[in-house]
Amino acid sequence: MLAWSDLLAALALYLVFEGIAPFVNPAGMKRALAMLLAVPDPQLRVAGLGSIGVGLLLLFFVRSAGAG
């Protein structure tokens, strides 16, 4: 069963990873975000869906490996 502490730990790790790029290379982060504006919406949706799928698969394998 997923505990609230697991959810908060995942959120904390997300925030850590999100903060690395702007901390290490703020100018590069700005360039990347500017380039992102040129990507068509359907392509962003596919990338988002792919990210969701990979994340769910990874979560499934991590959680099932911990149960055994």
C-alpha atoms as a PDB file:
ATOM      1  CA  MET A   1       0.000   0.000   0.000  1.00  0.00           C
ATOM      2  CA  LEU A   2       1.262   3.470  -0.856  1.00  0.00           C
ATOM      3  CA  ALA A   3       1.842   5.522   2.266  1.00  0.00           C
ATOM      4  CA  TRP A   4       1.667   9.303   2.434  1.00  0.00           C
ATOM      5  CA  SER A   5       5.357   9.336   3.323  1.00  0.00           C
ATOM      6  CA  ASP A   6       6.105   7.628  -0.027  1.00  0.00           C
ATOM      7  CA  LEU A   7       4.122  10.255  -1.894  1.00  0.00           C
ATOM      8  CA  LEU A   8       5.848  13.098  -0.067  1.00  0.00           C
ATOM      9  CA  ALA A   9       9.264  11.507  -0.650  1.00  0.00           C
ATOM     10  CA  ALA A  10       8.483  11.281  -4.377  1.00  0.00           C
ATOM     11  CA  LEU A  11       7.398  14.921  -4.426  1.00  0.00           C
ATOM     12  CA  ALA A  12      10.566  15.949  -2.604  1.00  0.00           C
ATOM     13  CA  LEU A  13      12.756  14.075  -5.105  1.00  0.00           C
ATOM     14  CA  TYR A  14      10.831  15.655  -7.987  1.00  0.00           C
ATOM     15  CA  LEU A  15      11.538  19.127  -6.591  1.00  0.00           C
ATOM     16  CA  VAL A  16      15.219  18.300  -6.119  1.00  0.00           C
ATOM     17  CA  PHE A  17      15.564  17.064  -9.713  1.00  0.00           C
ATOM     18  CA  GLU A  18      13.600  20.016 -11.096  1.00  0.00           C
ATOM     19  CA  GLY A  19      15.896  22.434  -9.292  1.00  0.00           C
ATOM     20  CA  ILE A  20      19.181  20.981 -10.525  1.00  0.00           C
ATOM     21  CA  ALA A  21      19.120  22.391 -14.086  1.00  0.00           C
ATOM     22  CA  PRO A  22      18.283  26.014 -13.224  1.00  0.00           C
ATOM     23  CA  PHE A  23      20.785  25.963 -10.356  1.00  0.00           C
ATOM     24  CA  VAL A  24      23.657  24.495 -12.381  1.00  0.00           C
ATOM     25  CA  ASN A  25      23.023  26.251 -15.712  1.00  0.00           C
ATOM     26  CA  PRO A  26      20.368  28.997 -15.586  1.00  0.00           C
ATOM     27  CA  ALA A  27      21.228  30.367 -19.044  1.00  0.00           C
ATOM     28  CA  GLY A  28      20.955  26.911 -20.599  1.00  0.00           C
ATOM     29  CA  MET A  29      17.631  26.395 -18.860  1.00  0.00           C
ATOM     30  CA  LYS A  30      16.305  29.635 -20.354  1.00  0.00           C
ATOM     31  CA  ARG A  31      17.474  28.567 -23.825  1.00  0.00           C
ATOM     32  CA  ALA A  32      15.822  25.163 -23.442  1.00  0.00           C
ATOM     33  CA  LEU A  33      12.524  26.719 -22.365  1.00  0.00           C
ATOM     34  CA  ALA A  34      12.660  29.169 -25.283  1.00  0.00           C
ATOM     35  CA  MET A  35      13.195  26.247 -27.685  1.00  0.00           C
ATOM     36  CA  LEU A  36      10.262  24.442 -26.095  1.00  0.00           C
ATOM     37  CA  LEU A  37       7.932  27.187 -27.326  1.00  0.00           C
ATOM     38  CA  ALA A  38       8.651  26.110 -30.908  1.00  0.00           C
ATOM     39  CA  VAL A  39       7.572  22.487 -30.334  1.00  0.00           C
ATOM     40  CA  PRO A  40       4.049  21.767 -31.614  1.00  0.00           C
ATOM     41  CA  ASP A  41       1.392  20.868 -29.032  1.00  0.00           C
ATOM     42  CA  PRO A  42       0.765  17.341 -30.376  1.00  0.00           C
ATOM     43  CA  GLN A  43       4.467  16.529 -30.075  1.00  0.00           C
ATOM     44  CA  LEU A  44       4.498  17.800 -26.473  1.00  0.00           C
ATOM     45  CA  ARG A  45       1.436  15.670 -25.695  1.00  0.00           C
ATOM     46  CA  VAL A  46       3.138  12.557 -27.072  1.00  0.00           C
ATOM     47  CA  ALA A  47       6.268  13.314 -25.039  1.00  0.00           C
ATOM     48  CA  GLY A  48       4.139  13.835 -21.928  1.00  0.00           C
ATOM     49  CA  LEU A  49       2.245  10.597 -22.502  1.00  0.00           C
ATOM     50  CA  GLY A  50       5.523   8.748 -23.018  1.00  0.00           C
ATOM     51  CA  SER A  51       6.875  10.184 -19.789  1.00  0.00           C
ATOM     52  CA  ILE A  52       3.734   9.109 -17.922  1.00  0.00           C
ATOM     53  CA  GLY A  53       3.996   5.604 -19.360  1.00  0.00           C
ATOM     54  CA  VAL A  54       7.668   5.191 -18.496  1.00  0.00           C
ATOM     55  CA  GLY A  55       7.049   6.558 -15.010  1.00  0.00           C
ATOM     56  CA  LEU A  56       4.150   4.175 -14.390  1.00  0.00           C
ATOM     57  CA  LEU A  57       6.150   1.193 -15.653  1.00  0.00           C
ATOM     58  CA  LEU A  58       9.105   2.140 -13.480  1.00  0.00           C
ATOM     59  CA  LEU A  59       6.839   2.580 -10.465  1.00  0.00           C
ATOM     60  CA  PHE A  60       5.215  -0.801 -11.136  1.00  0.00           C
ATOM     61  CA  PHE A  61       8.580  -2.592 -11.338  1.00  0.00           C
ATOM     62  CA  VAL A  62       9.995  -0.831  -8.280  1.00  0.00           C
ATOM     63  CA  ARG A  63       6.895  -1.529  -6.185  1.00  0.00           C
ATOM     64  CA  SER A  64       6.606  -5.163  -7.325  1.00  0.00           C
ATOM     65  CA  ALA A  65      10.315  -5.809  -6.673  1.00  0.00           C
ATOM     66  CA  GLY A  66       9.929  -4.436  -3.157  1.00  0.00           C
ATOM     67  CA  ALA A  67       6.952  -6.706  -2.449  1.00  0.00           C
ATOM     68  CA  GLY A  68       8.858  -9.909  -3.247  1.00  0.00           C
END
